[in-house]
């Protein structure tokens, strides 16, 4: 029977994307709201600015992630095409190359050659893609999926400070949005650390620190330019 194990690094791909998107949504939207509020804007204007920030940020995340991941996919396709050509042109050399890879990992020469031969007989391109190029089916680039997930996670994060903005009175808006957003960031950091098996306290403190720094700087800029205007 096959022994199935669950490792935490299996979550690394989607966890990183989800945490990054939600963190950006909270920090950027909260900072934008706090900065505009510090410039003495009206409550409806602040709320509309936050909504615009949510839409613009989600679209920016989607576009950036799509372009980035699509570039990765194009690179992988080019590498696989080149590897296919090399396999067709000089299969013995490719067999020696794969054998050397396994030997470098500690496999004895004859056994390494036997394994390389059997794997190439089964799926020559797949063997070289996995062990030479580091490309696997689980790690294949999916641009559309990455774009949608990034936009969705950003929007979920951005909705949190927006909800506080809609409910809080204008005179307490900066305090309410800043405090609630820091709580959200702390919870997000702790949750991500819990799933990834890291220190929950360290992750929560790291996220709240950078969130507080971003909101503080943006509030300062809004106060300065609000006074000038």
C-alpha atoms as a PDB file:
ATOM      1  CA  UNK A   1       0.000   0.000   0.000  1.00  0.00           C
ATOM      2  CA  UNK A   2       1.118   3.521  -0.766  1.00  0.00           C
ATOM      3  CA  UNK A   3       1.979   5.557   2.318  1.00  0.00           C
ATOM      4  CA  UNK A   4       0.315   8.974   2.023  1.00  0.00           C
ATOM      5  CA  UNK A   5       1.743  11.898   3.966  1.00  0.00           C
ATOM      6  CA  UNK A   6       0.565  15.471   4.241  1.00  0.00           C
ATOM      7  CA  UNK A   7       3.313  18.073   4.348  1.00  0.00           C
ATOM      8  CA  UNK A   8       2.873  21.737   5.124  1.00  0.00           C
ATOM      9  CA  UNK A   9       4.793  22.815   2.038  1.00  0.00           C
ATOM     10  CA  UNK A  10       1.888  21.455  -0.025  1.00  0.00           C
ATOM     11  CA  UNK A  11       0.027  24.587   1.076  1.00  0.00           C
ATOM     12  CA  UNK A  12       2.825  26.997   0.199  1.00  0.00           C
ATOM     13  CA  UNK A  13       1.570  27.992  -3.263  1.00  0.00           C
ATOM     14  CA  UNK A  14      -2.033  28.909  -2.556  1.00  0.00           C
ATOM     15  CA  UNK A  15      -1.260  30.077   0.987  1.00  0.00           C
ATOM     16  CA  UNK A  16       1.323  32.586  -0.208  1.00  0.00           C
ATOM     17  CA  UNK A  17      -1.009  33.974  -2.874  1.00  0.00           C
ATOM     18  CA  UNK A  18      -4.004  34.196  -0.538  1.00  0.00           C
ATOM     19  CA  UNK A  19      -2.075  35.837   2.297  1.00  0.00           C
ATOM     20  CA  UNK A  20      -0.327  38.266  -0.050  1.00  0.00           C
ATOM     21  CA  UNK A  21      -3.591  39.316  -1.692  1.00  0.00           C
ATOM     22  CA  UNK A  22      -5.537  39.708   1.553  1.00  0.00           C
ATOM     23  CA  UNK A  23      -2.655  41.528   3.239  1.00  0.00           C
ATOM     24  CA  UNK A  24      -2.384  43.959   0.308  1.00  0.00           C
ATOM     25  CA  UNK A  25      -6.145  44.493   0.368  1.00  0.00           C
ATOM     26  CA  UNK A  26      -6.194  45.360   4.057  1.00  0.00           C
ATOM     27  CA  UNK A  27      -3.046  47.491   4.126  1.00  0.00           C
ATOM     28  CA  UNK A  28      -3.556  49.458   0.914  1.00  0.00           C
ATOM     29  CA  UNK A  29      -7.263  50.136   1.453  1.00  0.00           C
ATOM     30  CA  UNK A  30      -6.882  51.006   5.132  1.00  0.00           C
ATOM     31  CA  UNK A  31      -3.898  53.251   4.383  1.00  0.00           C
ATOM     32  CA  UNK A  32      -5.816  54.976   1.605  1.00  0.00           C
ATOM     33  CA  UNK A  33      -8.826  55.558   3.851  1.00  0.00           C
ATOM     34  CA  UNK A  34      -6.700  56.806   6.743  1.00  0.00           C
ATOM     35  CA  UNK A  35      -4.698  59.107   4.461  1.00  0.00           C
ATOM     36  CA  UNK A  36      -7.816  60.661   2.915  1.00  0.00           C
ATOM     37  CA  UNK A  37      -9.478  60.961   6.334  1.00  0.00           C
ATOM     38  CA  UNK A  38      -6.398  62.737   7.692  1.00  0.00           C
ATOM     39  CA  UNK A  39      -6.775  65.246   4.862  1.00  0.00           C
ATOM     40  CA  UNK A  40     -10.217  66.135   6.316  1.00  0.00           C
ATOM     41  CA  UNK A  41     -12.295  64.693   3.472  1.00  0.00           C
ATOM     42  CA  UNK A  42     -16.020  64.058   3.934  1.00  0.00           C
ATOM     43  CA  UNK A  43     -17.284  60.673   5.086  1.00  0.00           C
ATOM     44  CA  UNK A  44     -18.969  59.843   1.733  1.00  0.00           C
ATOM     45  CA  UNK A  45     -15.826  60.916  -0.091  1.00  0.00           C
ATOM     46  CA  UNK A  46     -13.674  58.691   2.119  1.00  0.00           C
ATOM     47  CA  UNK A  47     -15.966  55.737   1.562  1.00  0.00           C
ATOM     48  CA  UNK A  48     -16.012  56.273  -2.208  1.00  0.00           C
ATOM     49  CA  UNK A  49     -12.225  56.526  -2.221  1.00  0.00           C
ATOM     50  CA  UNK A  50     -12.022  53.188  -0.411  1.00  0.00           C
ATOM     51  CA  UNK A  51     -14.364  51.533  -2.920  1.00  0.00           C
ATOM     52  CA  UNK A  52     -12.301  52.915  -5.807  1.00  0.00           C
ATOM     53  CA  UNK A  53      -9.156  51.604  -4.109  1.00  0.00           C
ATOM     54  CA  UNK A  54     -10.710  48.145  -3.787  1.00  0.00           C
ATOM     55  CA  UNK A  55     -11.639  47.983  -7.474  1.00  0.00           C
ATOM     56  CA  UNK A  56      -8.347  49.430  -8.705  1.00  0.00           C
ATOM     57  CA  UNK A  57      -6.283  47.244  -6.374  1.00  0.00           C
ATOM     58  CA  UNK A  58      -8.106  44.040  -7.303  1.00  0.00           C
ATOM     59  CA  UNK A  59      -7.696  44.749 -11.015  1.00  0.00           C
ATOM     60  CA  UNK A  60      -4.046  45.655 -10.534  1.00  0.00           C
ATOM     61  CA  UNK A  61      -3.403  42.448  -8.605  1.00  0.00           C
ATOM     62  CA  UNK A  62      -5.177  40.385 -11.268  1.00  0.00           C
ATOM     63  CA  UNK A  63      -3.322  42.022 -14.153  1.00  0.00           C
ATOM     64  CA  UNK A  64       0.063  41.826 -12.445  1.00  0.00           C
ATOM     65  CA  UNK A  65      -0.373  38.213 -11.419  1.00  0.00           C
ATOM     66  CA  UNK A  66      -1.620  37.209 -14.861  1.00  0.00           C
ATOM     67  CA  UNK A  67       1.329  38.824 -16.649  1.00  0.00           C
ATOM     68  CA  UNK A  68       3.833  37.408 -14.165  1.00  0.00           C
ATOM     69  CA  UNK A  69       2.500  33.854 -14.198  1.00  0.00           C
ATOM     70  CA  UNK A  70       1.965  33.922 -17.963  1.00  0.00           C
ATOM     71  CA  UNK A  71       5.626  34.860 -18.389  1.00  0.00           C
ATOM     72  CA  UNK A  72       6.534  31.876 -16.222  1.00  0.00           C
ATOM     73  CA  UNK A  73       4.294  29.636 -18.338  1.00  0.00           C
ATOM     74  CA  UNK A  74       5.914  30.905 -21.550  1.00  0.00           C
ATOM     75  CA  UNK A  75       9.356  30.194 -20.116  1.00  0.00           C
ATOM     76  CA  UNK A  76       8.349  26.675 -19.109  1.00  0.00           C
ATOM     77  CA  UNK A  77       6.923  25.975 -22.573  1.00  0.00           C
ATOM     78  CA  UNK A  78      10.117  27.208 -24.221  1.00  0.00           C
ATOM     79  CA  UNK A  79      12.264  25.036 -21.935  1.00  0.00           C
ATOM     80  CA  UNK A  80      10.134  21.964 -22.626  1.00  0.00           C
ATOM     81  CA  UNK A  81      10.262  22.577 -26.368  1.00  0.00           C
ATOM     82  CA  UNK A  82      14.048  22.838 -26.256  1.00  0.00           C
ATOM     83  CA  UNK A  83      14.297  19.713 -24.124  1.00  0.00           C
ATOM     84  CA  UNK A  84      12.105  17.814 -26.601  1.00  0.00           C
ATOM     85  CA  UNK A  85      14.429  18.825 -29.420  1.00  0.00           C
ATOM     86  CA  UNK A  86      17.482  17.710 -27.444  1.00  0.00           C
ATOM     87  CA  UNK A  87      15.871  14.344 -26.700  1.00  0.00           C
ATOM     88  CA  UNK A  88      15.083  13.807 -30.371  1.00  0.00           C
ATOM     89  CA  UNK A  89      18.548  14.901 -31.499  1.00  0.00           C
ATOM     90  CA  UNK A  90      20.780  13.066 -29.005  1.00  0.00           C
ATOM     91  CA  UNK A  91      18.990  10.639 -26.710  1.00  0.00           C
ATOM     92  CA  UNK A  92      22.171   8.928 -25.365  1.00  0.00           C
ATOM     93  CA  UNK A  93      23.536  12.259 -24.139  1.00  0.00           C
ATOM     94  CA  UNK A  94      20.257  13.015 -22.420  1.00  0.00           C
ATOM     95  CA  UNK A  95      20.383   9.591 -20.776  1.00  0.00           C
ATOM     96  CA  UNK A  96      23.877  10.327 -19.459  1.00  0.00           C
ATOM     97  CA  UNK A  97      22.734  13.721 -18.254  1.00  0.00           C
ATOM     98  CA  UNK A  98      19.837  12.240 -16.299  1.00  0.00           C
ATOM     99  CA  UNK A  99      22.105   9.534 -14.910  1.00  0.00           C
ATOM    100  CA  UNK A 100      24.534  12.197 -13.676  1.00  0.00           C
ATOM    101  CA  UNK A 101      21.694  14.024 -11.929  1.00  0.00           C
ATOM    102  CA  UNK A 102      20.749  10.919  -9.966  1.00  0.00           C
ATOM    103  CA  UNK A 103      24.386  10.163  -9.159  1.00  0.00           C
ATOM    104  CA  UNK A 104      24.773  13.689  -7.787  1.00  0.00           C
ATOM    105  CA  UNK A 105      21.892  12.895  -5.439  1.00  0.00           C
ATOM    106  CA  UNK A 106      23.745   9.864  -4.084  1.00  0.00           C
ATOM    107  CA  UNK A 107      22.575   7.012  -6.304  1.00  0.00           C
ATOM    108  CA  UNK A 108      25.201   4.452  -7.369  1.00  0.00           C
ATOM    109  CA  UNK A 109      26.203   4.724 -11.058  1.00  0.00           C
ATOM    110  CA  UNK A 110      24.686   1.476 -12.400  1.00  0.00           C
ATOM    111  CA  UNK A 111      21.455   1.969 -10.485  1.00  0.00           C
ATOM    112  CA  UNK A 112      21.266   5.619 -11.540  1.00  0.00           C
ATOM    113  CA  UNK A 113      21.640   4.613 -15.163  1.00  0.00           C
ATOM    114  CA  UNK A 114      18.993   1.907 -14.797  1.00  0.00           C
ATOM    115  CA  UNK A 115      16.536   4.337 -13.176  1.00  0.00           C
ATOM    116  CA  UNK A 116      17.224   6.991 -15.810  1.00  0.00           C
ATOM    117  CA  UNK A 117      16.695   4.463 -18.596  1.00  0.00           C
ATOM    118  CA  UNK A 118      13.409   3.173 -17.172  1.00  0.00           C
ATOM    119  CA  UNK A 119      12.051   6.661 -16.543  1.00  0.00           C
ATOM    120  CA  UNK A 120      12.949   7.785 -20.041  1.00  0.00           C
ATOM    121  CA  UNK A 121      11.271   4.721 -21.493  1.00  0.00           C
ATOM    122  CA  UNK A 122       8.137   5.573 -19.549  1.00  0.00           C
ATOM    123  CA  UNK A 123       8.117   9.378 -20.096  1.00  0.00           C
ATOM    124  CA  UNK A 124      11.355  10.883 -21.319  1.00  0.00           C
ATOM    125  CA  UNK A 125      10.221  14.511 -21.420  1.00  0.00           C
ATOM    126  CA  UNK A 126       8.470  14.247 -18.055  1.00  0.00           C
ATOM    127  CA  UNK A 127      11.581  12.799 -16.413  1.00  0.00           C
ATOM    128  CA  UNK A 128      13.815  15.594 -17.702  1.00  0.00           C
ATOM    129  CA  UNK A 129      11.223  18.265 -16.984  1.00  0.00           C
ATOM    130  CA  UNK A 130      10.933  17.133 -13.386  1.00  0.00           C
ATOM    131  CA  UNK A 131      14.539  16.279 -12.509  1.00  0.00           C
ATOM    132  CA  UNK A 132      16.529  18.562 -14.818  1.00  0.00           C
ATOM    133  CA  UNK A 133      14.300  21.603 -15.229  1.00  0.00           C
ATOM    134  CA  UNK A 134      12.353  21.419 -11.970  1.00  0.00           C
ATOM    135  CA  UNK A 135       8.976  21.569 -13.747  1.00  0.00           C
ATOM    136  CA  UNK A 136       6.206  19.361 -12.371  1.00  0.00           C
ATOM    137  CA  UNK A 137       2.486  19.018 -12.958  1.00  0.00           C
ATOM    138  CA  UNK A 138       1.678  20.361  -9.475  1.00  0.00           C
ATOM    139  CA  UNK A 139       3.770  23.463 -10.049  1.00  0.00           C
ATOM    140  CA  UNK A 140       2.666  24.321 -13.567  1.00  0.00           C
ATOM    141  CA  UNK A 141       1.879  27.990 -14.094  1.00  0.00           C
ATOM    142  CA  UNK A 142      -1.843  28.782 -14.395  1.00  0.00           C
ATOM    143  CA  UNK A 143      -2.201  32.491 -15.261  1.00  0.00           C
ATOM    144  CA  UNK A 144      -6.004  32.789 -15.175  1.00  0.00           C
ATOM    145  CA  UNK A 145      -6.321  30.901 -11.899  1.00  0.00           C
ATOM    146  CA  UNK A 146      -3.580  33.016 -10.331  1.00  0.00           C
ATOM    147  CA  UNK A 147      -5.176  36.260 -11.531  1.00  0.00           C
ATOM    148  CA  UNK A 148      -8.638  35.372 -10.231  1.00  0.00           C
ATOM    149  CA  UNK A 149      -7.407  34.133  -6.866  1.00  0.00           C
ATOM    150  CA  UNK A 150      -5.231  37.223  -6.332  1.00  0.00           C
ATOM    151  CA  UNK A 151      -8.080  39.590  -7.207  1.00  0.00           C
ATOM    152  CA  UNK A 152     -10.502  37.703  -4.970  1.00  0.00           C
ATOM    153  CA  UNK A 153      -8.175  37.594  -1.967  1.00  0.00           C
ATOM    154  CA  UNK A 154      -7.384  41.314  -2.375  1.00  0.00           C
ATOM    155  CA  UNK A 155     -11.087  42.156  -2.501  1.00  0.00           C
ATOM    156  CA  UNK A 156     -11.808  40.088   0.622  1.00  0.00           C
ATOM    157  CA  UNK A 157      -9.043  41.894   2.501  1.00  0.00           C
ATOM    158  CA  UNK A 158     -10.143  45.333   1.255  1.00  0.00           C
ATOM    159  CA  UNK A 159     -13.777  44.789   2.282  1.00  0.00           C
ATOM    160  CA  UNK A 160     -12.781  44.606   5.962  1.00  0.00           C
ATOM    161  CA  UNK A 161     -11.552  48.210   6.446  1.00  0.00           C
ATOM    162  CA  UNK A 162     -14.309  49.383   4.086  1.00  0.00           C
ATOM    163  CA  UNK A 163     -16.940  47.847   6.351  1.00  0.00           C
ATOM    164  CA  UNK A 164     -15.434  49.618   9.361  1.00  0.00           C
ATOM    165  CA  UNK A 165     -15.414  52.882   7.391  1.00  0.00           C
ATOM    166  CA  UNK A 166     -19.095  52.520   6.568  1.00  0.00           C
ATOM    167  CA  UNK A 167     -20.049  51.894  10.207  1.00  0.00           C
ATOM    168  CA  UNK A 168     -17.711  54.204  12.140  1.00  0.00           C
ATOM    169  CA  UNK A 169     -18.547  57.884  12.769  1.00  0.00           C
ATOM    170  CA  UNK A 170     -16.283  60.350  10.959  1.00  0.00           C
ATOM    171  CA  UNK A 171     -14.745  61.796  14.128  1.00  0.00           C
ATOM    172  CA  UNK A 172     -13.478  58.345  15.138  1.00  0.00           C
ATOM    173  CA  UNK A 173     -12.808  57.079  11.628  1.00  0.00           C
ATOM    174  CA  UNK A 174      -8.995  57.093  11.684  1.00  0.00           C
ATOM    175  CA  UNK A 175      -8.806  55.357  15.057  1.00  0.00           C
ATOM    176  CA  UNK A 176     -11.465  52.791  14.169  1.00  0.00           C
ATOM    177  CA  UNK A 177     -10.063  51.881  10.761  1.00  0.00           C
ATOM    178  CA  UNK A 178      -6.457  51.763  11.978  1.00  0.00           C
ATOM    179  CA  UNK A 179      -7.240  49.681  15.066  1.00  0.00           C
ATOM    180  CA  UNK A 180      -9.559  47.259  13.277  1.00  0.00           C
ATOM    181  CA  UNK A 181      -7.139  46.840  10.368  1.00  0.00           C
ATOM    182  CA  UNK A 182      -4.284  46.006  12.723  1.00  0.00           C
ATOM    183  CA  UNK A 183      -6.490  43.385  14.366  1.00  0.00           C
ATOM    184  CA  UNK A 184      -7.375  41.955  10.943  1.00  0.00           C
ATOM    185  CA  UNK A 185      -3.692  41.845   9.963  1.00  0.00           C
ATOM    186  CA  UNK A 186      -2.760  40.129  13.208  1.00  0.00           C
ATOM    187  CA  UNK A 187      -5.440  37.490  12.739  1.00  0.00           C
ATOM    188  CA  UNK A 188      -4.419  36.971   9.117  1.00  0.00           C
ATOM    189  CA  UNK A 189      -0.771  36.541  10.075  1.00  0.00           C
ATOM    190  CA  UNK A 190      -1.637  34.116  12.872  1.00  0.00           C
ATOM    191  CA  UNK A 191      -3.911  32.074  10.588  1.00  0.00           C
ATOM    192  CA  UNK A 192      -1.270  31.865   7.861  1.00  0.00           C
ATOM    193  CA  UNK A 193       1.342  30.816  10.397  1.00  0.00           C
ATOM    194  CA  UNK A 194      -1.015  28.214  11.842  1.00  0.00           C
ATOM    195  CA  UNK A 195      -1.570  26.631   8.440  1.00  0.00           C
ATOM    196  CA  UNK A 196       2.122  26.829   7.562  1.00  0.00           C
ATOM    197  CA  UNK A 197       3.367  25.549  10.920  1.00  0.00           C
ATOM    198  CA  UNK A 198       5.265  28.728  11.850  1.00  0.00           C
ATOM    199  CA  UNK A 199       5.122  30.923  14.956  1.00  0.00           C
ATOM    200  CA  UNK A 200       1.696  32.573  15.125  1.00  0.00           C
ATOM    201  CA  UNK A 201       2.883  35.396  17.370  1.00  0.00           C
ATOM    202  CA  UNK A 202       5.858  36.255  15.177  1.00  0.00           C
ATOM    203  CA  UNK A 203       3.759  36.288  12.016  1.00  0.00           C
ATOM    204  CA  UNK A 204       1.047  38.407  13.646  1.00  0.00           C
ATOM    205  CA  UNK A 205       3.573  40.949  14.943  1.00  0.00           C
ATOM    206  CA  UNK A 206       5.322  41.116  11.577  1.00  0.00           C
ATOM    207  CA  UNK A 207       2.101  41.864   9.713  1.00  0.00           C
ATOM    208  CA  UNK A 208       0.804  44.405  12.224  1.00  0.00           C
ATOM    209  CA  UNK A 209       4.149  46.241  12.278  1.00  0.00           C
ATOM    210  CA  UNK A 210       4.274  46.779   8.532  1.00  0.00           C
ATOM    211  CA  UNK A 211       0.574  47.607   8.415  1.00  0.00           C
ATOM    212  CA  UNK A 212       0.965  50.211  11.161  1.00  0.00           C
ATOM    213  CA  UNK A 213       3.978  51.692   9.388  1.00  0.00           C
ATOM    214  CA  UNK A 214       2.099  51.974   6.078  1.00  0.00           C
ATOM    215  CA  UNK A 215      -0.963  53.584   7.667  1.00  0.00           C
ATOM    216  CA  UNK A 216       1.158  55.931   9.746  1.00  0.00           C
ATOM    217  CA  UNK A 217       3.124  57.202   6.767  1.00  0.00           C
ATOM    218  CA  UNK A 218      -0.022  57.593   4.638  1.00  0.00           C
ATOM    219  CA  UNK A 219      -1.819  59.452   7.433  1.00  0.00           C
ATOM    220  CA  UNK A 220       1.136  61.804   7.747  1.00  0.00           C
ATOM    221  CA  UNK A 221       1.132  62.523   4.011  1.00  0.00           C
ATOM    222  CA  UNK A 222      -2.632  63.105   4.048  1.00  0.00           C
ATOM    223  CA  UNK A 223      -2.333  65.481   6.990  1.00  0.00           C
ATOM    224  CA  UNK A 224       0.402  67.491   5.299  1.00  0.00           C
ATOM    225  CA  UNK A 225      -1.290  67.786   1.923  1.00  0.00           C
ATOM    226  CA  UNK A 226      -4.679  68.339   3.540  1.00  0.00           C
ATOM    227  CA  UNK A 227      -3.299  71.306   5.441  1.00  0.00           C
ATOM    228  CA  UNK A 228      -1.664  72.677   2.272  1.00  0.00           C
ATOM    229  CA  UNK A 229      -4.855  72.367   0.229  1.00  0.00           C
END
